[in-house]
Amino acid sequence: MNDEEKFGWFGFLCVIILLAWGYNNYTSQKIETDYGYKVGTSGVTAKPDCSSLEPQNTYDEDSGHYAGWQWGEEGNDCGGNSDSFIEGCEEYQNQENAYQYCLDRGDH
C-alpha cells in the first residue's frame, strides 16, 4: 500500500468519524428538545426535568381555544360544534400526555 492509498483511507476514516459524531450530537439535541431528556456523555439519559412540560393555557381568556383548554383540564372529553373549542381541548390533552409521559419515563 503506497502513501497515497494510506492517506485516502485515513481521510475516509476521518469523514466516517465526523459523520458519526454529528449524527450523535444531532440525535442528543433532538431528544432533549422533543422529550426534555438530557443525554449525558456516557450515552445514558439523565432523569428529565418535566417542569417545563407542565400543561399551560396560553390562549386569550375570551377565546374558544381558552374555553376548550379549560374544559379539557377539567377532565372532559373534547367535542362540540366549535373548531377552536375542540382544538383548545385537544391541545390540553396533548400537553398533559407529553407531561405524563415525561414523568413516567423519569421513574425508570
N, C-alpha and C. Protein backbone atom coordinates (compact mmCIF):
# COMPACT_ATOMS: atom_id res chain seq x y z
N MET A 1 0.86 -1.17 0.00
CA MET A 1 0.00 0.00 0.00
C MET A 1 0.91 1.24 0.00
N ASN A 2 0.72 2.10 -0.97
CA ASN A 2 1.57 3.28 -1.06
C ASN A 2 1.03 4.40 -0.17
N ASP A 3 1.78 5.49 -0.07
CA ASP A 3 1.39 6.61 0.80
C ASP A 3 0.08 7.24 0.37
N GLU A 4 -0.17 7.28 -0.93
CA GLU A 4 -1.40 7.88 -1.44
C GLU A 4 -2.62 7.08 -0.98
N GLU A 5 -2.54 5.78 -1.02
CA GLU A 5 -3.63 4.91 -0.59
C GLU A 5 -3.85 5.03 0.92
N LYS A 6 -2.76 5.08 1.69
CA LYS A 6 -2.87 5.24 3.14
C LYS A 6 -3.58 6.53 3.49
N PHE A 7 -3.21 7.61 2.79
CA PHE A 7 -3.85 8.91 3.06
C PHE A 7 -5.33 8.87 2.68
N GLY A 8 -5.66 8.17 1.61
CA GLY A 8 -7.07 8.03 1.19
C GLY A 8 -7.91 7.32 2.24
N TRP A 9 -7.37 6.23 2.78
CA TRP A 9 -8.08 5.50 3.83
C TRP A 9 -8.20 6.33 5.12
N PHE A 10 -7.15 7.04 5.44
CA PHE A 10 -7.18 7.89 6.64
C PHE A 10 -8.24 8.98 6.49
N GLY A 11 -8.29 9.61 5.35
CA GLY A 11 -9.30 10.64 5.10
C GLY A 11 -10.70 10.08 5.16
N PHE A 12 -10.88 8.90 4.56
CA PHE A 12 -12.18 8.24 4.58
C PHE A 12 -12.60 7.94 6.02
N LEU A 13 -11.69 7.44 6.83
CA LEU A 13 -11.98 7.14 8.23
C LEU A 13 -12.34 8.40 9.00
N CYS A 14 -11.64 9.50 8.74
CA CYS A 14 -11.94 10.78 9.40
C CYS A 14 -13.35 11.26 9.06
N VAL A 15 -13.74 11.11 7.80
CA VAL A 15 -15.09 11.52 7.38
C VAL A 15 -16.14 10.68 8.09
N ILE A 16 -15.93 9.38 8.20
CA ILE A 16 -16.88 8.49 8.88
C ILE A 16 -17.01 8.89 10.35
N ILE A 17 -15.90 9.17 11.00
CA ILE A 17 -15.92 9.57 12.41
C ILE A 17 -16.67 10.89 12.58
N LEU A 18 -16.42 11.84 11.70
CA LEU A 18 -17.13 13.13 11.76
C LEU A 18 -18.63 12.96 11.55
N LEU A 19 -19.02 12.13 10.61
CA LEU A 19 -20.45 11.88 10.38
C LEU A 19 -21.10 11.23 11.58
N ALA A 20 -20.44 10.25 12.18
CA ALA A 20 -20.99 9.58 13.36
C ALA A 20 -21.12 10.57 14.52
N TRP A 21 -20.11 11.39 14.73
CA TRP A 21 -20.18 12.38 15.82
C TRP A 21 -21.32 13.37 15.57
N GLY A 22 -21.45 13.85 14.34
CA GLY A 22 -22.51 14.80 14.01
C GLY A 22 -23.89 14.22 14.21
N TYR A 23 -24.07 12.96 13.79
CA TYR A 23 -25.36 12.31 13.95
C TYR A 23 -25.69 12.13 15.43
N ASN A 24 -24.71 11.70 16.22
CA ASN A 24 -24.91 11.52 17.66
C ASN A 24 -25.27 12.84 18.32
N ASN A 25 -24.58 13.91 17.96
CA ASN A 25 -24.86 15.22 18.52
C ASN A 25 -26.26 15.69 18.14
N TYR A 26 -26.64 15.52 16.87
CA TYR A 26 -27.98 15.90 16.40
C TYR A 26 -29.05 15.10 17.14
N THR A 27 -28.85 13.79 17.28
CA THR A 27 -29.82 12.94 17.97
C THR A 27 -29.98 13.35 19.42
N SER A 28 -28.89 13.64 20.10
CA SER A 28 -28.94 14.06 21.50
C SER A 28 -29.74 15.35 21.65
N GLN A 29 -29.50 16.30 20.77
CA GLN A 29 -30.23 17.57 20.83
C GLN A 29 -31.71 17.37 20.53
N LYS A 30 -32.03 16.49 19.59
CA LYS A 30 -33.42 16.21 19.23
C LYS A 30 -34.16 15.57 20.41
N ILE A 31 -33.51 14.65 21.08
CA ILE A 31 -34.13 14.00 22.25
C ILE A 31 -34.40 15.05 23.33
N GLU A 32 -33.43 15.92 23.57
CA GLU A 32 -33.60 16.96 24.59
C GLU A 32 -34.72 17.91 24.21
N THR A 33 -34.78 18.33 22.96
CA THR A 33 -35.80 19.27 22.51
C THR A 33 -37.19 18.65 22.52
N ASP A 34 -37.32 17.44 21.97
CA ASP A 34 -38.63 16.82 21.82
C ASP A 34 -39.17 16.21 23.10
N TYR A 35 -38.30 15.69 23.95
CA TYR A 35 -38.77 14.93 25.11
C TYR A 35 -38.30 15.46 26.46
N GLY A 36 -37.44 16.44 26.46
CA GLY A 36 -36.97 17.01 27.71
C GLY A 36 -35.89 16.21 28.41
N TYR A 37 -35.34 15.19 27.78
CA TYR A 37 -34.29 14.39 28.38
C TYR A 37 -32.93 15.01 28.09
N LYS A 38 -32.04 14.86 29.02
CA LYS A 38 -30.65 15.26 28.82
C LYS A 38 -29.84 14.00 28.56
N VAL A 39 -29.06 14.00 27.53
CA VAL A 39 -28.22 12.85 27.21
C VAL A 39 -26.83 13.15 27.71
N GLY A 40 -26.36 12.33 28.64
CA GLY A 40 -25.04 12.54 29.23
C GLY A 40 -23.93 12.02 28.34
N THR A 41 -22.71 12.32 28.73
CA THR A 41 -21.56 11.89 27.92
C THR A 41 -21.41 10.38 27.89
N SER A 42 -21.97 9.70 28.87
CA SER A 42 -21.90 8.24 28.87
C SER A 42 -22.93 7.62 27.95
N GLY A 43 -23.81 8.45 27.37
CA GLY A 43 -24.84 7.96 26.48
C GLY A 43 -26.11 7.56 27.22
N VAL A 44 -26.09 7.62 28.54
CA VAL A 44 -27.26 7.27 29.34
C VAL A 44 -28.08 8.54 29.55
N THR A 45 -29.37 8.43 29.39
CA THR A 45 -30.20 9.61 29.59
C THR A 45 -30.39 9.87 31.07
N ALA A 46 -30.25 11.11 31.45
CA ALA A 46 -30.45 11.51 32.83
C ALA A 46 -31.95 11.69 33.08
N LYS A 47 -32.33 11.63 34.34
CA LYS A 47 -33.73 11.84 34.69
C LYS A 47 -34.15 13.23 34.21
N PRO A 48 -35.23 13.32 33.45
CA PRO A 48 -35.61 14.60 32.89
C PRO A 48 -36.24 15.54 33.91
N ASP A 49 -36.14 16.81 33.63
CA ASP A 49 -36.86 17.83 34.39
C ASP A 49 -38.14 18.10 33.62
N CYS A 50 -39.25 17.60 34.13
CA CYS A 50 -40.52 17.68 33.41
C CYS A 50 -41.28 18.98 33.67
N SER A 51 -40.76 19.83 34.55
CA SER A 51 -41.50 21.03 34.92
C SER A 51 -41.81 21.93 33.72
N SER A 52 -40.94 21.94 32.72
CA SER A 52 -41.18 22.78 31.55
C SER A 52 -42.29 22.22 30.67
N LEU A 53 -42.69 20.97 30.91
CA LEU A 53 -43.74 20.35 30.11
C LEU A 53 -45.10 20.39 30.78
N GLU A 54 -45.17 20.97 31.98
CA GLU A 54 -46.48 21.07 32.65
C GLU A 54 -47.45 21.82 31.76
N PRO A 55 -48.67 21.30 31.62
CA PRO A 55 -49.64 21.97 30.74
C PRO A 55 -49.87 23.43 31.14
N GLN A 56 -49.90 24.29 30.12
CA GLN A 56 -50.14 25.72 30.34
C GLN A 56 -51.09 26.23 29.28
N ASN A 57 -52.11 26.93 29.72
CA ASN A 57 -53.08 27.53 28.81
C ASN A 57 -52.54 28.90 28.40
N THR A 58 -52.10 29.02 27.17
CA THR A 58 -51.51 30.26 26.69
C THR A 58 -52.48 31.05 25.80
N TYR A 59 -53.71 30.60 25.71
CA TYR A 59 -54.70 31.26 24.86
C TYR A 59 -55.29 32.49 25.55
N ASP A 60 -55.83 33.42 24.77
CA ASP A 60 -56.53 34.59 25.31
C ASP A 60 -57.78 34.12 26.04
N GLU A 61 -58.05 34.73 27.19
CA GLU A 61 -59.16 34.27 28.03
C GLU A 61 -60.53 34.33 27.37
N ASP A 62 -60.71 35.19 26.43
CA ASP A 62 -62.04 35.31 25.81
C ASP A 62 -62.15 34.53 24.50
N SER A 63 -61.29 33.54 24.31
CA SER A 63 -61.31 32.78 23.06
C SER A 63 -61.90 31.39 23.26
N GLY A 64 -62.34 30.81 22.16
CA GLY A 64 -62.84 29.44 22.18
C GLY A 64 -61.74 28.44 22.52
N HIS A 65 -60.51 28.75 22.08
CA HIS A 65 -59.38 27.88 22.41
C HIS A 65 -59.18 27.82 23.92
N TYR A 66 -59.25 28.97 24.57
CA TYR A 66 -59.06 29.04 26.03
C TYR A 66 -60.14 28.22 26.74
N ALA A 67 -61.39 28.41 26.33
CA ALA A 67 -62.50 27.68 26.96
C ALA A 67 -62.35 26.18 26.75
N GLY A 68 -61.94 25.79 25.54
CA GLY A 68 -61.75 24.37 25.27
C GLY A 68 -60.61 23.78 26.09
N TRP A 69 -59.54 24.56 26.25
CA TRP A 69 -58.39 24.11 27.03
C TRP A 69 -58.84 23.88 28.48
N GLN A 70 -59.59 24.84 29.04
CA GLN A 70 -60.10 24.72 30.41
C GLN A 70 -61.01 23.49 30.54
N TRP A 71 -61.84 23.28 29.54
CA TRP A 71 -62.77 22.15 29.52
C TRP A 71 -61.98 20.83 29.58
N GLY A 72 -60.93 20.75 28.79
CA GLY A 72 -60.09 19.56 28.79
C GLY A 72 -59.38 19.37 30.12
N GLU A 73 -58.93 20.47 30.72
CA GLU A 73 -58.22 20.40 32.01
C GLU A 73 -59.14 19.85 33.10
N GLU A 74 -60.42 20.11 32.98
CA GLU A 74 -61.39 19.61 33.97
C GLU A 74 -61.71 18.13 33.77
N GLY A 75 -61.07 17.51 32.78
CA GLY A 75 -61.24 16.08 32.57
C GLY A 75 -62.35 15.70 31.62
N ASN A 76 -62.89 16.68 30.91
CA ASN A 76 -63.99 16.41 29.99
C ASN A 76 -63.46 15.96 28.63
N ASP A 77 -64.30 15.23 27.91
CA ASP A 77 -63.96 14.81 26.55
C ASP A 77 -64.10 15.99 25.60
N CYS A 78 -63.24 16.00 24.59
CA CYS A 78 -63.27 17.07 23.60
C CYS A 78 -64.37 16.79 22.58
N GLY A 79 -65.14 17.77 22.32
CA GLY A 79 -66.22 17.65 21.35
C GLY A 79 -66.99 18.95 21.31
N GLY A 80 -67.91 19.04 20.40
CA GLY A 80 -68.71 20.24 20.28
C GLY A 80 -68.80 20.71 18.85
N ASN A 81 -69.32 21.92 18.69
CA ASN A 81 -69.54 22.47 17.36
C ASN A 81 -68.50 23.51 16.97
N SER A 82 -67.64 23.88 17.88
CA SER A 82 -66.66 24.93 17.62
C SER A 82 -65.28 24.32 17.40
N ASP A 83 -64.70 24.61 16.22
CA ASP A 83 -63.36 24.09 15.93
C ASP A 83 -62.34 24.60 16.94
N SER A 84 -62.42 25.88 17.29
CA SER A 84 -61.44 26.45 18.22
C SER A 84 -61.57 25.82 19.60
N PHE A 85 -62.78 25.55 20.04
CA PHE A 85 -63.02 24.91 21.33
C PHE A 85 -62.38 23.52 21.33
N ILE A 86 -62.65 22.76 20.28
CA ILE A 86 -62.12 21.40 20.18
C ILE A 86 -60.59 21.43 20.11
N GLU A 87 -60.04 22.36 19.33
CA GLU A 87 -58.59 22.47 19.22
C GLU A 87 -57.95 22.80 20.57
N GLY A 88 -58.57 23.71 21.33
CA GLY A 88 -58.06 24.05 22.65
C GLY A 88 -58.08 22.86 23.59
N CYS A 89 -59.16 22.12 23.55
CA CYS A 89 -59.30 20.93 24.39
C CYS A 89 -58.25 19.88 24.01
N GLU A 90 -58.09 19.66 22.72
CA GLU A 90 -57.10 18.68 22.25
C GLU A 90 -55.68 19.13 22.58
N GLU A 91 -55.44 20.44 22.56
CA GLU A 91 -54.12 20.95 22.92
C GLU A 91 -53.83 20.63 24.39
N TYR A 92 -54.84 20.80 25.26
CA TYR A 92 -54.63 20.44 26.66
C TYR A 92 -54.28 18.95 26.77
N GLN A 93 -55.02 18.10 26.07
CA GLN A 93 -54.77 16.66 26.15
C GLN A 93 -53.37 16.32 25.65
N ASN A 94 -52.92 16.97 24.58
CA ASN A 94 -51.57 16.73 24.06
C ASN A 94 -50.51 17.14 25.07
N GLN A 95 -50.70 18.32 25.67
CA GLN A 95 -49.74 18.78 26.68
C GLN A 95 -49.72 17.85 27.89
N GLU A 96 -50.88 17.44 28.34
CA GLU A 96 -50.97 16.56 29.51
C GLU A 96 -50.33 15.21 29.21
N ASN A 97 -50.57 14.67 28.02
CA ASN A 97 -49.96 13.39 27.64
C ASN A 97 -48.44 13.48 27.61
N ALA A 98 -47.91 14.57 27.05
CA ALA A 98 -46.46 14.75 27.00
C ALA A 98 -45.89 14.87 28.40
N TYR A 99 -46.58 15.60 29.27
CA TYR A 99 -46.14 15.79 30.65
C TYR A 99 -46.14 14.46 31.39
N GLN A 100 -47.22 13.71 31.28
CA GLN A 100 -47.31 12.42 31.97
C GLN A 100 -46.27 11.43 31.43
N TYR A 101 -46.04 11.45 30.13
CA TYR A 101 -45.03 10.59 29.53
C TYR A 101 -43.66 10.90 30.12
N CYS A 102 -43.35 12.18 30.23
CA CYS A 102 -42.08 12.59 30.80
C CYS A 102 -41.96 12.11 32.24
N LEU A 103 -43.00 12.31 33.03
CA LEU A 103 -42.97 11.86 34.43
C LEU A 103 -42.80 10.36 34.53
N ASP A 104 -43.50 9.62 33.69
CA ASP A 104 -43.42 8.16 33.72
C ASP A 104 -42.03 7.68 33.32
N ARG A 105 -41.42 8.33 32.32
CA ARG A 105 -40.11 7.92 31.84
C ARG A 105 -39.04 8.24 32.88
N GLY A 106 -39.24 9.26 33.67
CA GLY A 106 -38.27 9.64 34.67
C GLY A 106 -38.20 8.69 35.85
N ASP A 107 -39.23 7.87 36.02
CA ASP A 107 -39.27 6.93 37.15
C ASP A 107 -38.50 5.66 36.86
N HIS A 108 -38.08 5.46 35.64
CA HIS A 108 -37.41 4.19 35.28
C HIS A 108 -35.94 4.29 35.42
